[in-house]
Amino acid sequence: MKDERGITMIALALTIVVLSIITAVSIRQITVNNSEAMKEIINETDYQEEMVQDEKDKMDNVIDRYEEDWGLS
């Protein structure tokens, strides 16, 4: 009976170690995937901000040109 308990304890310890490794790998994978997704979102947001700024600059140029033509500035 003591031999059976020893084997059971070793099996339990190995199971805990294996599950801990699987958990660590899973958490790492989730973290890396979320990090990459966040980078993509940030890049897209930066691109959109640049596009908005470009459009604003174009509109400012048009307004300035009309103000000059109409003698408002």
N, C-alpha and C. Protein backbone atom coordinates (compact mmCIF):
# COMPACT_ATOMS: atom_id res chain seq x y z
N MET A 1 0.82 -1.19 0.00
CA MET A 1 0.00 0.00 0.00
C MET A 1 0.87 1.26 0.00
N LYS A 2 2.02 1.25 0.68
CA LYS A 2 2.89 2.42 0.68
C LYS A 2 3.44 2.68 -0.71
N ASP A 3 3.74 1.63 -1.46
CA ASP A 3 4.25 1.81 -2.81
C ASP A 3 3.20 2.49 -3.70
N GLU A 4 1.95 2.14 -3.51
CA GLU A 4 0.88 2.75 -4.30
C GLU A 4 0.73 4.23 -3.98
N ARG A 5 0.89 4.59 -2.70
CA ARG A 5 0.79 6.00 -2.33
C ARG A 5 1.94 6.79 -2.93
N GLY A 6 3.12 6.24 -2.96
CA GLY A 6 4.28 6.92 -3.53
C GLY A 6 4.08 7.19 -5.01
N ILE A 7 3.58 6.22 -5.72
CA ILE A 7 3.34 6.38 -7.15
C ILE A 7 2.24 7.40 -7.38
N THR A 8 1.21 7.37 -6.55
CA THR A 8 0.11 8.33 -6.67
C THR A 8 0.62 9.74 -6.43
N MET A 9 1.47 9.96 -5.45
CA MET A 9 2.01 11.28 -5.16
C MET A 9 2.90 11.77 -6.31
N ILE A 10 3.69 10.87 -6.87
CA ILE A 10 4.54 11.25 -8.02
C ILE A 10 3.65 11.61 -9.21
N ALA A 11 2.62 10.84 -9.46
CA ALA A 11 1.70 11.14 -10.57
C ALA A 11 1.01 12.48 -10.35
N LEU A 12 0.61 12.76 -9.10
CA LEU A 12 -0.03 14.03 -8.79
C LEU A 12 0.94 15.19 -9.01
N ALA A 13 2.17 15.04 -8.55
CA ALA A 13 3.17 16.09 -8.73
C ALA A 13 3.43 16.34 -10.21
N LEU A 14 3.60 15.27 -10.99
CA LEU A 14 3.83 15.42 -12.43
C LEU A 14 2.63 16.07 -13.12
N THR A 15 1.44 15.72 -12.72
CA THR A 15 0.24 16.32 -13.30
C THR A 15 0.20 17.81 -13.02
N ILE A 16 0.52 18.20 -11.79
CA ILE A 16 0.53 19.62 -11.43
C ILE A 16 1.58 20.37 -12.24
N VAL A 17 2.76 19.79 -12.40
CA VAL A 17 3.82 20.43 -13.18
C VAL A 17 3.39 20.59 -14.63
N VAL A 18 2.85 19.55 -15.22
CA VAL A 18 2.42 19.61 -16.62
C VAL A 18 1.31 20.64 -16.81
N LEU A 19 0.34 20.66 -15.91
CA LEU A 19 -0.74 21.64 -16.01
C LEU A 19 -0.22 23.06 -15.82
N SER A 20 0.76 23.24 -14.95
CA SER A 20 1.36 24.57 -14.76
C SER A 20 2.06 25.03 -16.03
N ILE A 21 2.77 24.14 -16.68
CA ILE A 21 3.46 24.49 -17.93
C ILE A 21 2.45 24.84 -19.01
N ILE A 22 1.41 24.05 -19.13
CA ILE A 22 0.38 24.33 -20.14
C ILE A 22 -0.28 25.68 -19.87
N THR A 23 -0.56 25.96 -18.61
CA THR A 23 -1.17 27.24 -18.24
C THR A 23 -0.24 28.40 -18.58
N ALA A 24 1.04 28.27 -18.26
CA ALA A 24 1.99 29.34 -18.55
C ALA A 24 2.10 29.60 -20.05
N VAL A 25 2.15 28.54 -20.83
CA VAL A 25 2.23 28.69 -22.29
C VAL A 25 0.96 29.35 -22.82
N SER A 26 -0.19 28.96 -22.32
CA SER A 26 -1.46 29.54 -22.77
C SER A 26 -1.54 31.03 -22.44
N ILE A 27 -1.16 31.38 -21.22
CA ILE A 27 -1.18 32.79 -20.82
C ILE A 27 -0.23 33.59 -21.67
N ARG A 28 0.94 33.06 -21.94
CA ARG A 28 1.92 33.76 -22.78
C ARG A 28 1.36 33.97 -24.19
N GLN A 29 0.72 32.96 -24.73
CA GLN A 29 0.17 33.05 -26.08
C GLN A 29 -0.93 34.10 -26.14
N ILE A 30 -1.78 34.13 -25.14
CA ILE A 30 -2.86 35.12 -25.10
C ILE A 30 -2.27 36.52 -25.02
N THR A 31 -1.26 36.69 -24.18
CA THR A 31 -0.62 38.00 -24.01
C THR A 31 0.02 38.46 -25.31
N VAL A 32 0.73 37.58 -26.00
CA VAL A 32 1.38 37.94 -27.25
C VAL A 32 0.35 38.30 -28.31
N ASN A 33 -0.72 37.51 -28.41
CA ASN A 33 -1.77 37.80 -29.40
C ASN A 33 -2.44 39.13 -29.12
N ASN A 34 -2.73 39.42 -27.85
CA ASN A 34 -3.35 40.69 -27.51
C ASN A 34 -2.41 41.84 -27.79
N SER A 35 -1.12 41.63 -27.56
CA SER A 35 -0.13 42.67 -27.83
C SER A 35 -0.08 42.99 -29.32
N GLU A 36 -0.10 41.97 -30.16
CA GLU A 36 -0.08 42.18 -31.60
C GLU A 36 -1.36 42.87 -32.07
N ALA A 37 -2.48 42.48 -31.50
CA ALA A 37 -3.75 43.10 -31.87
C ALA A 37 -3.75 44.57 -31.46
N MET A 38 -3.22 44.87 -30.30
CA MET A 38 -3.16 46.26 -29.85
C MET A 38 -2.25 47.08 -30.76
N LYS A 39 -1.15 46.51 -31.20
CA LYS A 39 -0.25 47.22 -32.12
C LYS A 39 -0.97 47.55 -33.42
N GLU A 40 -1.75 46.60 -33.92
CA GLU A 40 -2.50 46.84 -35.14
C GLU A 40 -3.53 47.94 -34.95
N ILE A 41 -4.20 47.93 -33.82
CA ILE A 41 -5.20 48.97 -33.53
C ILE A 41 -4.54 50.33 -33.42
N ILE A 42 -3.39 50.39 -32.75
CA ILE A 42 -2.67 51.65 -32.61
C ILE A 42 -2.21 52.16 -33.97
N ASN A 43 -1.68 51.26 -34.79
CA ASN A 43 -1.24 51.67 -36.13
C ASN A 43 -2.41 52.20 -36.96
N GLU A 44 -3.54 51.52 -36.88
CA GLU A 44 -4.72 51.96 -37.63
C GLU A 44 -5.20 53.32 -37.12
N THR A 45 -5.19 53.50 -35.82
CA THR A 45 -5.61 54.77 -35.24
C THR A 45 -4.67 55.89 -35.66
N ASP A 46 -3.36 55.62 -35.63
CA ASP A 46 -2.39 56.63 -36.07
C ASP A 46 -2.62 57.00 -37.53
N TYR A 47 -2.89 55.99 -38.37
CA TYR A 47 -3.15 56.24 -39.78
C TYR A 47 -4.39 57.11 -39.96
N GLN A 48 -5.43 56.80 -39.21
CA GLN A 48 -6.67 57.57 -39.32
C GLN A 48 -6.45 59.01 -38.85
N GLU A 49 -5.67 59.18 -37.79
CA GLU A 49 -5.38 60.54 -37.31
C GLU A 49 -4.60 61.33 -38.36
N GLU A 50 -3.67 60.67 -39.03
CA GLU A 50 -2.93 61.34 -40.10
C GLU A 50 -3.86 61.74 -41.25
N MET A 51 -4.78 60.85 -41.59
CA MET A 51 -5.73 61.15 -42.66
C MET A 51 -6.61 62.34 -42.28
N VAL A 52 -7.08 62.37 -41.06
CA VAL A 52 -7.92 63.48 -40.60
C VAL A 52 -7.12 64.78 -40.64
N GLN A 53 -5.87 64.73 -40.18
CA GLN A 53 -5.04 65.93 -40.19
C GLN A 53 -4.79 66.41 -41.62
N ASP A 54 -4.55 65.48 -42.54
CA ASP A 54 -4.36 65.86 -43.95
C ASP A 54 -5.61 66.54 -44.50
N GLU A 55 -6.77 65.99 -44.22
CA GLU A 55 -8.02 66.60 -44.69
C GLU A 55 -8.23 67.97 -44.06
N LYS A 56 -7.89 68.11 -42.79
CA LYS A 56 -8.03 69.40 -42.12
C LYS A 56 -7.10 70.43 -42.78
N ASP A 57 -5.87 70.01 -43.07
CA ASP A 57 -4.93 70.92 -43.74
C ASP A 57 -5.46 71.35 -45.11
N LYS A 58 -6.03 70.40 -45.86
CA LYS A 58 -6.59 70.73 -47.17
C LYS A 58 -7.73 71.74 -47.03
N MET A 59 -8.61 71.51 -46.05
CA MET A 59 -9.73 72.42 -45.85
C MET A 59 -9.24 73.80 -45.42
N ASP A 60 -8.23 73.84 -44.57
CA ASP A 60 -7.67 75.13 -44.15
C ASP A 60 -7.10 75.88 -45.34
N ASN A 61 -6.44 75.16 -46.26
CA ASN A 61 -5.89 75.80 -47.46
C ASN A 61 -7.00 76.35 -48.34
N VAL A 62 -8.08 75.61 -48.49
CA VAL A 62 -9.21 76.07 -49.30
C VAL A 62 -9.83 77.31 -48.66
N ILE A 63 -10.03 77.28 -47.36
CA ILE A 63 -10.61 78.42 -46.66
C ILE A 63 -9.71 79.64 -46.79
N ASP A 64 -8.40 79.44 -46.60
CA ASP A 64 -7.46 80.56 -46.73
C ASP A 64 -7.51 81.16 -48.14
N ARG A 65 -7.58 80.30 -49.14
CA ARG A 65 -7.63 80.77 -50.53
C ARG A 65 -8.90 81.59 -50.79
N TYR A 66 -10.05 81.10 -50.29
CA TYR A 66 -11.30 81.86 -50.47
C TYR A 66 -11.28 83.17 -49.70
N GLU A 67 -10.70 83.16 -48.53
CA GLU A 67 -10.62 84.40 -47.77
C GLU A 67 -9.76 85.43 -48.49
N GLU A 68 -8.68 84.96 -49.11
CA GLU A 68 -7.83 85.88 -49.89
C GLU A 68 -8.58 86.40 -51.11
N ASP A 69 -9.28 85.50 -51.80
CA ASP A 69 -10.04 85.90 -52.99
C ASP A 69 -11.14 86.90 -52.64
N TRP A 70 -11.77 86.73 -51.52
CA TRP A 70 -12.88 87.58 -51.13
C TRP A 70 -12.42 88.80 -50.29
N GLY A 71 -11.12 88.84 -50.03
CA GLY A 71 -10.58 89.97 -49.29
C GLY A 71 -10.94 89.96 -47.82
N LEU A 72 -11.08 88.81 -47.25
CA LEU A 72 -11.44 88.70 -45.84
C LEU A 72 -10.24 88.60 -44.92
N SER A 73 -9.07 88.37 -45.50
CA SER A 73 -7.90 88.25 -44.61
C SER A 73 -6.89 89.31 -44.88
